[in-house]
Amino acid sequence: MAEESEYPKIDSEGPELVYMVVANHIAARIERGELKPGQRIPSELDLAEQYGVARMTVRRELKELRERGLIRSVHGKGTYVQQPNPPADSTE
């Protein structure tokens, strides 16, 4: 069982959107290097159980992370942390 401090406290009645709380937490884990490029992240069902949220919430969170370019999904294989994009060359 995971420690309570490992996952953010999610207040469904609070002002922050639940899927954004989860997305921001996973994004922070990627930025800290806890989740490495090419690493598979847990399934929707596993993430829903870990964070104590609905599976549809996890789907929205994964969509947000894909839009940010942090993860990619491979049909039939899973969802993986994306390789970071190289910084844009400002000389062009």
PDB file of N, CA and C in Angstrom:
ATOM      1  N   MET A   1       0.837  -1.186   0.000  1.00  0.00           N
ATOM      2  CA  MET A   1       0.000   0.000   0.000  1.00  0.00           C
ATOM      3  C   MET A   1       0.875   1.240   0.000  1.00  0.00           C
ATOM      4  N   ALA A   2       0.489   2.241  -0.767  1.00  0.00           N
ATOM      5  CA  ALA A   2       1.276   3.463  -0.884  1.00  0.00           C
ATOM      6  C   ALA A   2       1.070   4.356   0.326  1.00  0.00           C
ATOM      7  N   GLU A   3       2.092   5.137   0.627  1.00  0.00           N
ATOM      8  CA  GLU A   3       1.978   6.104   1.712  1.00  0.00           C
ATOM      9  C   GLU A   3       1.001   7.186   1.308  1.00  0.00           C
ATOM     10  N   GLU A   4       0.316   7.777   2.302  1.00  0.00           N
ATOM     11  CA  GLU A   4      -0.638   8.829   2.015  1.00  0.00           C
ATOM     12  C   GLU A   4       0.021  10.020   1.347  1.00  0.00           C
ATOM     13  N   SER A   5       1.243  10.346   1.727  1.00  0.00           N
ATOM     14  CA  SER A   5       1.915  11.518   1.183  1.00  0.00           C
ATOM     15  C   SER A   5       2.322  11.322  -0.278  1.00  0.00           C
ATOM     16  N   GLU A   6       2.311  10.082  -0.742  1.00  0.00           N
ATOM     17  CA  GLU A   6       2.716   9.786  -2.110  1.00  0.00           C
ATOM     18  C   GLU A   6       1.714  10.331  -3.129  1.00  0.00           C
ATOM     19  N   TYR A   7       0.451  10.398  -2.775  1.00  0.00           N
ATOM     20  CA  TYR A   7      -0.599  10.873  -3.657  1.00  0.00           C
ATOM     21  C   TYR A   7      -1.236  12.118  -3.063  1.00  0.00           C
ATOM     22  N   PRO A   8      -1.645  13.056  -3.928  1.00  0.00           N
ATOM     23  CA  PRO A   8      -2.249  14.283  -3.410  1.00  0.00           C
ATOM     24  C   PRO A   8      -3.618  14.009  -2.805  1.00  0.00           C
ATOM     25  N   LYS A   9      -3.992  14.842  -1.851  1.00  0.00           N
ATOM     26  CA  LYS A   9      -5.333  14.748  -1.281  1.00  0.00           C
ATOM     27  C   LYS A   9      -6.279  15.373  -2.294  1.00  0.00           C
ATOM     28  N   ILE A  10      -7.275  14.629  -2.699  1.00  0.00           N
ATOM     29  CA  ILE A  10      -8.198  15.099  -3.730  1.00  0.00           C
ATOM     30  C   ILE A  10      -9.524  15.459  -3.085  1.00  0.00           C
ATOM     31  N   ASP A  11      -9.908  16.726  -3.248  1.00  0.00           N
ATOM     32  CA  ASP A  11     -11.162  17.236  -2.710  1.00  0.00           C
ATOM     33  C   ASP A  11     -12.117  17.469  -3.865  1.00  0.00           C
ATOM     34  N   SER A  12     -13.051  16.550  -4.058  1.00  0.00           N
ATOM     35  CA  SER A  12     -13.979  16.671  -5.183  1.00  0.00           C
ATOM     36  C   SER A  12     -14.907  17.870  -5.036  1.00  0.00           C
ATOM     37  N   GLU A  13     -14.994  18.420  -3.843  1.00  0.00           N
ATOM     38  CA  GLU A  13     -15.834  19.593  -3.597  1.00  0.00           C
ATOM     39  C   GLU A  13     -15.038  20.888  -3.712  1.00  0.00           C
ATOM     40  N   GLY A  14     -13.728  20.781  -3.845  1.00  0.00           N
ATOM     41  CA  GLY A  14     -12.864  21.951  -3.903  1.00  0.00           C
ATOM     42  C   GLY A  14     -12.917  22.652  -5.253  1.00  0.00           C
ATOM     43  N   PRO A  15     -12.221  23.781  -5.362  1.00  0.00           N
ATOM     44  CA  PRO A  15     -12.274  24.578  -6.595  1.00  0.00           C
ATOM     45  C   PRO A  15     -11.463  23.994  -7.753  1.00  0.00           C
ATOM     46  N   GLU A  16     -10.518  23.113  -7.457  1.00  0.00           N
ATOM     47  CA  GLU A  16      -9.657  22.568  -8.504  1.00  0.00           C
ATOM     48  C   GLU A  16     -10.311  21.349  -9.153  1.00  0.00           C
ATOM     49  N   LEU A  17     -10.190  21.258 -10.480  1.00  0.00           N
ATOM     50  CA  LEU A  17     -10.736  20.105 -11.191  1.00  0.00           C
ATOM     51  C   LEU A  17      -9.938  18.857 -10.801  1.00  0.00           C
ATOM     52  N   VAL A  18     -10.642  17.786 -10.491  1.00  0.00           N
ATOM     53  CA  VAL A  18      -9.997  16.563 -10.007  1.00  0.00           C
ATOM     54  C   VAL A  18      -9.005  16.020 -11.025  1.00  0.00           C
ATOM     55  N   TYR A  19      -9.386  15.996 -12.295  1.00  0.00           N
ATOM     56  CA  TYR A  19      -8.465  15.438 -13.291  1.00  0.00           C
ATOM     57  C   TYR A  19      -7.194  16.274 -13.403  1.00  0.00           C
ATOM     58  N   MET A  20      -7.298  17.591 -13.151  1.00  0.00           N
ATOM     59  CA  MET A  20      -6.109  18.447 -13.210  1.00  0.00           C
ATOM     60  C   MET A  20      -5.192  18.187 -12.012  1.00  0.00           C
ATOM     61  N   VAL A  21      -5.752  17.881 -10.859  1.00  0.00           N
ATOM     62  CA  VAL A  21      -4.944  17.543  -9.682  1.00  0.00           C
ATOM     63  C   VAL A  21      -4.104  16.307  -9.996  1.00  0.00           C
ATOM     64  N   VAL A  22      -4.752  15.291 -10.568  1.00  0.00           N
ATOM     65  CA  VAL A  22      -4.052  14.048 -10.900  1.00  0.00           C
ATOM     66  C   VAL A  22      -3.031  14.299 -12.009  1.00  0.00           C
ATOM     67  N   ALA A  23      -3.425  15.038 -13.051  1.00  0.00           N
ATOM     68  CA  ALA A  23      -2.511  15.328 -14.166  1.00  0.00           C
ATOM     69  C   ALA A  23      -1.290  16.095 -13.674  1.00  0.00           C
ATOM     70  N   ASN A  24      -1.503  17.092 -12.836  1.00  0.00           N
ATOM     71  CA  ASN A  24      -0.381  17.887 -12.324  1.00  0.00           C
ATOM     72  C   ASN A  24       0.543  17.047 -11.448  1.00  0.00           C
ATOM     73  N   HIS A  25      -0.022  16.110 -10.687  1.00  0.00           N
ATOM     74  CA  HIS A  25       0.795  15.245  -9.843  1.00  0.00           C
ATOM     75  C   HIS A  25       1.675  14.329 -10.693  1.00  0.00           C
ATOM     76  N   ILE A  26       1.094  13.736 -11.725  1.00  0.00           N
ATOM     77  CA  ILE A  26       1.876  12.853 -12.602  1.00  0.00           C
ATOM     78  C   ILE A  26       2.902  13.666 -13.387  1.00  0.00           C
ATOM     79  N   ALA A  27       2.529  14.863 -13.852  1.00  0.00           N
ATOM     80  CA  ALA A  27       3.481  15.732 -14.561  1.00  0.00           C
ATOM     81  C   ALA A  27       4.662  16.068 -13.653  1.00  0.00           C
ATOM     82  N   ALA A  28       4.398  16.340 -12.383  1.00  0.00           N
ATOM     83  CA  ALA A  28       5.478  16.650 -11.442  1.00  0.00           C
ATOM     84  C   ALA A  28       6.380  15.439 -11.240  1.00  0.00           C
ATOM     85  N   ARG A  29       5.803  14.250 -11.210  1.00  0.00           N
ATOM     86  CA  ARG A  29       6.611  13.021 -11.074  1.00  0.00           C
ATOM     87  C   ARG A  29       7.508  12.828 -12.292  1.00  0.00           C
ATOM     88  N   ILE A  30       7.015  13.178 -13.467  1.00  0.00           N
ATOM     89  CA  ILE A  30       7.823  13.081 -14.685  1.00  0.00           C
ATOM     90  C   ILE A  30       8.956  14.100 -14.614  1.00  0.00           C
ATOM     91  N   GLU A  31       8.643  15.334 -14.221  1.00  0.00           N
ATOM     92  CA  GLU A  31       9.656  16.392 -14.137  1.00  0.00           C
ATOM     93  C   GLU A  31      10.750  16.057 -13.124  1.00  0.00           C
ATOM     94  N   ARG A  32      10.375  15.408 -12.027  1.00  0.00           N
ATOM     95  CA  ARG A  32      11.355  15.026 -10.989  1.00  0.00           C
ATOM     96  C   ARG A  32      12.164  13.795 -11.386  1.00  0.00           C
ATOM     97  N   GLY A  33      11.764  13.118 -12.455  1.00  0.00           N
ATOM     98  CA  GLY A  33      12.488  11.934 -12.898  1.00  0.00           C
ATOM     99  C   GLY A  33      12.032  10.647 -12.235  1.00  0.00           C
ATOM    100  N   GLU A  34      10.938  10.706 -11.470  1.00  0.00           N
ATOM    101  CA  GLU A  34      10.394   9.488 -10.857  1.00  0.00           C
ATOM    102  C   GLU A  34       9.809   8.571 -11.939  1.00  0.00           C
ATOM    103  N   LEU A  35       9.246   9.185 -12.967  1.00  0.00           N
ATOM    104  CA  LEU A  35       8.751   8.454 -14.129  1.00  0.00           C
ATOM    105  C   LEU A  35       9.660   8.858 -15.278  1.00  0.00           C
ATOM    106  N   LYS A  36      10.343   7.894 -15.844  1.00  0.00           N
ATOM    107  CA  LYS A  36      11.378   8.165 -16.841  1.00  0.00           C
ATOM    108  C   LYS A  36      10.855   7.979 -18.271  1.00  0.00           C
ATOM    109  N   PRO A  37      11.460   8.685 -19.252  1.00  0.00           N
ATOM    110  CA  PRO A  37      11.049   8.512 -20.642  1.00  0.00           C
ATOM    111  C   PRO A  37      11.091   7.046 -21.058  1.00  0.00           C
ATOM    112  N   GLY A  38      10.033   6.617 -21.725  1.00  0.00           N
ATOM    113  CA  GLY A  38       9.920   5.238 -22.174  1.00  0.00           C
ATOM    114  C   GLY A  38       9.291   4.310 -21.143  1.00  0.00           C
ATOM    115  N   GLN A  39       9.146   4.786 -19.905  1.00  0.00           N
ATOM    116  CA  GLN A  39       8.558   3.955 -18.848  1.00  0.00           C
ATOM    117  C   GLN A  39       7.045   3.886 -19.037  1.00  0.00           C
ATOM    118  N   ARG A  40       6.506   2.688 -18.875  1.00  0.00           N
ATOM    119  CA  ARG A  40       5.061   2.489 -18.973  1.00  0.00           C
ATOM    120  C   ARG A  40       4.415   2.963 -17.684  1.00  0.00           C
ATOM    121  N   ILE A  41       3.320   3.705 -17.819  1.00  0.00           N
ATOM    122  CA  ILE A  41       2.604   4.127 -16.621  1.00  0.00           C
ATOM    123  C   ILE A  41       1.449   3.158 -16.388  1.00  0.00           C
ATOM    124  N   PRO A  42       0.924   3.110 -15.167  1.00  0.00           N
ATOM    125  CA  PRO A  42      -0.140   2.152 -14.869  1.00  0.00           C
ATOM    126  C   PRO A  42      -1.377   2.346 -15.754  1.00  0.00           C
ATOM    127  N   SER A  43      -2.185   1.303 -15.827  1.00  0.00           N
ATOM    128  CA  SER A  43      -3.415   1.333 -16.622  1.00  0.00           C
ATOM    129  C   SER A  43      -4.413   2.322 -16.022  1.00  0.00           C
ATOM    130  N   GLU A  44      -5.441   2.647 -16.789  1.00  0.00           N
ATOM    131  CA  GLU A  44      -6.492   3.546 -16.300  1.00  0.00           C
ATOM    132  C   GLU A  44      -7.100   3.019 -15.013  1.00  0.00           C
ATOM    133  N   LEU A  45      -7.386   1.738 -14.981  1.00  0.00           N
ATOM    134  CA  LEU A  45      -7.997   1.142 -13.797  1.00  0.00           C
ATOM    135  C   LEU A  45      -7.071   1.241 -12.587  1.00  0.00           C
ATOM    136  N   ASP A  46      -5.789   0.954 -12.797  1.00  0.00           N
ATOM    137  CA  ASP A  46      -4.824   1.036 -11.695  1.00  0.00           C
ATOM    138  C   ASP A  46      -4.679   2.470 -11.195  1.00  0.00           C
ATOM    139  N   LEU A  47      -4.612   3.434 -12.121  1.00  0.00           N
ATOM    140  CA  LEU A  47      -4.501   4.833 -11.710  1.00  0.00           C
ATOM    141  C   LEU A  47      -5.747   5.274 -10.944  1.00  0.00           C
ATOM    142  N   ALA A  48      -6.919   4.840 -11.407  1.00  0.00           N
ATOM    143  CA  ALA A  48      -8.164   5.187 -10.717  1.00  0.00           C
ATOM    144  C   ALA A  48      -8.139   4.675  -9.280  1.00  0.00           C
ATOM    145  N   GLU A  49      -7.657   3.460  -9.085  1.00  0.00           N
ATOM    146  CA  GLU A  49      -7.567   2.888  -7.742  1.00  0.00           C
ATOM    147  C   GLU A  49      -6.520   3.610  -6.905  1.00  0.00           C
ATOM    148  N   GLN A  50      -5.364   3.903  -7.493  1.00  0.00           N
ATOM    149  CA  GLN A  50      -4.286   4.568  -6.757  1.00  0.00           C
ATOM    150  C   GLN A  50      -4.696   5.954  -6.264  1.00  0.00           C
ATOM    151  N   TYR A  51      -5.390   6.705  -7.120  1.00  0.00           N
ATOM    152  CA  TYR A  51      -5.763   8.074  -6.771  1.00  0.00           C
ATOM    153  C   TYR A  51      -7.143   8.178  -6.142  1.00  0.00           C
ATOM    154  N   GLY A  52      -7.899   7.083  -6.159  1.00  0.00           N
ATOM    155  CA  GLY A  52      -9.234   7.099  -5.563  1.00  0.00           C
ATOM    156  C   GLY A  52     -10.217   7.946  -6.358  1.00  0.00           C
ATOM    157  N   VAL A  53     -10.107   7.879  -7.689  1.00  0.00           N
ATOM    158  CA  VAL A  53     -10.992   8.650  -8.563  1.00  0.00           C
ATOM    159  C   VAL A  53     -11.655   7.714  -9.557  1.00  0.00           C
ATOM    160  N   ALA A  54     -12.616   8.245 -10.298  1.00  0.00           N
ATOM    161  CA  ALA A  54     -13.314   7.456 -11.308  1.00  0.00           C
ATOM    162  C   ALA A  54     -12.421   7.240 -12.524  1.00  0.00           C
ATOM    163  N   ARG A  55     -12.698   6.173 -13.238  1.00  0.00           N
ATOM    164  CA  ARG A  55     -11.913   5.852 -14.433  1.00  0.00           C
ATOM    165  C   ARG A  55     -12.042   6.950 -15.497  1.00  0.00           C
ATOM    166  N   MET A  56     -13.215   7.565 -15.616  1.00  0.00           N
ATOM    167  CA  MET A  56     -13.399   8.659 -16.574  1.00  0.00           C
ATOM    168  C   MET A  56     -12.522   9.862 -16.203  1.00  0.00           C
ATOM    169  N   THR A  57     -12.317  10.067 -14.927  1.00  0.00           N
ATOM    170  CA  THR A  57     -11.422  11.140 -14.478  1.00  0.00           C
ATOM    171  C   THR A  57     -10.009  10.851 -14.959  1.00  0.00           C
ATOM    172  N   VAL A  58      -9.588   9.602 -14.852  1.00  0.00           N
ATOM    173  CA  VAL A  58      -8.258   9.209 -15.305  1.00  0.00           C
ATOM    174  C   VAL A  58      -8.140   9.397 -16.813  1.00  0.00           C
ATOM    175  N   ARG A  59      -9.181   9.075 -17.552  1.00  0.00           N
ATOM    176  CA  ARG A  59      -9.144   9.267 -19.014  1.00  0.00           C
ATOM    177  C   ARG A  59      -8.918  10.735 -19.365  1.00  0.00           C
ATOM    178  N   ARG A  60      -9.609  11.630 -18.652  1.00  0.00           N
ATOM    179  CA  ARG A  60      -9.438  13.071 -18.905  1.00  0.00           C
ATOM    180  C   ARG A  60      -8.031  13.509 -18.523  1.00  0.00           C
ATOM    181  N   GLU A  61      -7.514  12.963 -17.439  1.00  0.00           N
ATOM    182  CA  GLU A  61      -6.156  13.295 -16.988  1.00  0.00           C
ATOM    183  C   GLU A  61      -5.126  12.833 -18.010  1.00  0.00           C
ATOM    184  N   LEU A  62      -5.292  11.635 -18.548  1.00  0.00           N
ATOM    185  CA  LEU A  62      -4.362  11.122 -19.553  1.00  0.00           C
ATOM    186  C   LEU A  62      -4.432  11.961 -20.833  1.00  0.00           C
ATOM    187  N   LYS A  63      -5.624  12.376 -21.211  1.00  0.00           N
ATOM    188  CA  LYS A  63      -5.777  13.240 -22.387  1.00  0.00           C
ATOM    189  C   LYS A  63      -5.020  14.550 -22.164  1.00  0.00           C
ATOM    190  N   GLU A  64      -5.142  15.117 -20.985  1.00  0.00           N
ATOM    191  CA  GLU A  64      -4.427  16.357 -20.649  1.00  0.00           C
ATOM    192  C   GLU A  64      -2.913  16.164 -20.771  1.00  0.00           C
ATOM    193  N   LEU A  65      -2.409  15.062 -20.244  1.00  0.00           N
ATOM    194  CA  LEU A  65      -0.963  14.801 -20.308  1.00  0.00           C
ATOM    195  C   LEU A  65      -0.495  14.557 -21.746  1.00  0.00           C
ATOM    196  N   ARG A  66      -1.328  13.911 -22.563  1.00  0.00           N
ATOM    197  CA  ARG A  66      -0.990  13.731 -23.980  1.00  0.00           C
ATOM    198  C   ARG A  66      -0.925  15.082 -24.678  1.00  0.00           C
ATOM    199  N   GLU A  67      -1.891  15.966 -24.377  1.00  0.00           N
ATOM    200  CA  GLU A  67      -1.899  17.299 -24.983  1.00  0.00           C
ATOM    201  C   GLU A  67      -0.675  18.112 -24.573  1.00  0.00           C
ATOM    202  N   ARG A  68      -0.176  17.885 -23.381  1.00  0.00           N
ATOM    203  CA  ARG A  68       1.036  18.564 -22.912  1.00  0.00           C
ATOM    204  C   ARG A  68       2.302  17.943 -23.517  1.00  0.00           C
ATOM    205  N   GLY A  69       2.161  16.801 -24.174  1.00  0.00           N
ATOM    206  CA  GLY A  69       3.305  16.131 -24.780  1.00  0.00           C
ATOM    207  C   GLY A  69       4.142  15.338 -23.788  1.00  0.00           C
ATOM    208  N   LEU A  70       3.556  15.002 -22.634  1.00  0.00           N
ATOM    209  CA  LEU A  70       4.302  14.291 -21.600  1.00  0.00           C
ATOM    210  C   LEU A  70       4.193  12.776 -21.716  1.00  0.00           C
ATOM    211  N   ILE A  71       3.106  12.297 -22.326  1.00  0.00           N
ATOM    212  CA  ILE A  71       2.909  10.856 -22.465  1.00  0.00           C
ATOM    213  C   ILE A  71       2.430  10.559 -23.882  1.00  0.00           C
ATOM    214  N   ARG A  72       2.519   9.287 -24.240  1.00  0.00           N
ATOM    215  CA  ARG A  72       1.948   8.824 -25.502  1.00  0.00           C
ATOM    216  C   ARG A  72       1.319   7.463 -25.248  1.00  0.00           C
ATOM    217  N   SER A  73       0.229   7.207 -25.948  1.00  0.00           N
ATOM    218  CA  SER A  73      -0.466   5.930 -25.815  1.00  0.00           C
ATOM    219  C   SER A  73      -0.248   5.114 -27.070  1.00  0.00           C
ATOM    220  N   VAL A  74       0.008   3.836 -26.888  1.00  0.00           N
ATOM    221  CA  VAL A  74       0.179   2.906 -27.999  1.00  0.00           C
ATOM    222  C   VAL A  74      -0.947   1.890 -27.888  1.00  0.00           C
ATOM    223  N   HIS A  75      -1.835   1.902 -28.875  1.00  0.00           N
ATOM    224  CA  HIS A  75      -3.001   1.022 -28.846  1.00  0.00           C
ATOM    225  C   HIS A  75      -2.576  -0.433 -28.643  1.00  0.00           C
ATOM    226  N   GLY A  76      -3.174  -1.065 -27.650  1.00  0.00           N
ATOM    227  CA  GLY A  76      -2.903  -2.467 -27.375  1.00  0.00           C
ATOM    228  C   GLY A  76      -1.650  -2.716 -26.541  1.00  0.00           C
ATOM    229  N   LYS A  77      -0.892  -1.677 -26.247  1.00  0.00           N
ATOM    230  CA  LYS A  77       0.350  -1.844 -25.481  1.00  0.00           C
ATOM    231  C   LYS A  77       0.336  -1.087 -24.162  1.00  0.00           C
ATOM    232  N   GLY A  78      -0.163   0.139 -24.160  1.00  0.00           N
ATOM    233  CA  GLY A  78      -0.187   0.919 -22.937  1.00  0.00           C
ATOM    234  C   GLY A  78       0.178   2.374 -23.172  1.00  0.00           C
ATOM    235  N   THR A  79       0.415   3.066 -22.069  1.00  0.00           N
ATOM    236  CA  THR A  79       0.746   4.484 -22.101  1.00  0.00           C
ATOM    237  C   THR A  79       2.135   4.658 -21.517  1.00  0.00           C
ATOM    238  N   TYR A  80       2.947   5.459 -22.203  1.00  0.00           N
ATOM    239  CA  TYR A  80       4.360   5.607 -21.856  1.00  0.00           C
ATOM    240  C   TYR A  80       4.737   7.068 -21.682  1.00  0.00           C
ATOM    241  N   VAL A  81       5.725   7.302 -20.838  1.00  0.00           N
ATOM    242  CA  VAL A  81       6.274   8.639 -20.679  1.00  0.00           C
ATOM    243  C   VAL A  81       7.009   8.981 -21.969  1.00  0.00           C
ATOM    244  N   GLN A  82       6.727  10.152 -22.488  1.00  0.00           N
ATOM    245  CA  GLN A  82       7.305  10.611 -23.747  1.00  0.00           C
ATOM    246  C   GLN A  82       8.719  11.132 -23.545  1.00  0.00           C
ATOM    247  N   GLN A  83       9.552  10.959 -24.540  1.00  0.00           N
ATOM    248  CA  GLN A  83      10.879  11.568 -24.521  1.00  0.00           C
ATOM    249  C   GLN A  83      10.680  13.079 -24.526  1.00  0.00           C
ATOM    250  N   PRO A  84      11.425  13.826 -23.725  1.00  0.00           N
ATOM    251  CA  PRO A  84      11.246  15.279 -23.729  1.00  0.00           C
ATOM    252  C   PRO A  84      11.679  15.868 -25.073  1.00  0.00           C
ATOM    253  N   ASN A  85      10.969  16.909 -25.483  1.00  0.00           N
ATOM    254  CA  ASN A  85      11.334  17.603 -26.718  1.00  0.00           C
ATOM    255  C   ASN A  85      12.577  18.427 -26.466  1.00  0.00           C
ATOM    256  N   PRO A  86      13.511  18.448 -27.420  1.00  0.00           N
ATOM    257  CA  PRO A  86      14.688  19.297 -27.246  1.00  0.00           C
ATOM    258  C   PRO A  86      14.271  20.762 -27.250  1.00  0.00           C
ATOM    259  N   PRO A  87      15.016  21.622 -26.553  1.00  0.00           N
ATOM    260  CA  PRO A  87      14.655  23.043 -26.543  1.00  0.00           C
ATOM    261  C   PRO A  87      14.670  23.602 -27.959  1.00  0.00           C
ATOM    262  N   ALA A  88      13.757  24.515 -28.226  1.00  0.00           N
ATOM    263  CA  ALA A  88      13.683  25.133 -29.552  1.00  0.00           C
ATOM    264  C   ALA A  88      14.940  25.975 -29.782  1.00  0.00           C
ATOM    265  N   ASP A  89      15.474  25.882 -30.983  1.00  0.00           N
ATOM    266  CA  ASP A  89      16.663  26.653 -31.339  1.00  0.00           C
ATOM    267  C   ASP A  89      16.221  28.071 -31.686  1.00  0.00           C
ATOM    268  N   SER A  90      16.669  29.019 -30.924  1.00  0.00           N
ATOM    269  CA  SER A  90      16.232  30.402 -31.121  1.00  0.00           C
ATOM    270  C   SER A  90      16.966  31.107 -32.256  1.00  0.00           C
ATOM    271  N   THR A  91      17.942  30.444 -32.896  1.00  0.00           N
ATOM    272  CA  THR A  91      18.715  31.078 -33.970  1.00  0.00           C
ATOM    273  C   THR A  91      18.035  30.938 -35.318  1.00  0.00           C
ATOM    274  N   GLU A  92      16.993  30.109 -35.434  1.00  0.00           N
ATOM    275  CA  GLU A  92      16.334  29.921 -36.727  1.00  0.00           C
ATOM    276  C   GLU A  92      15.344  30.998 -37.007  1.00  0.00           C
TER     277      GLU A  92
END
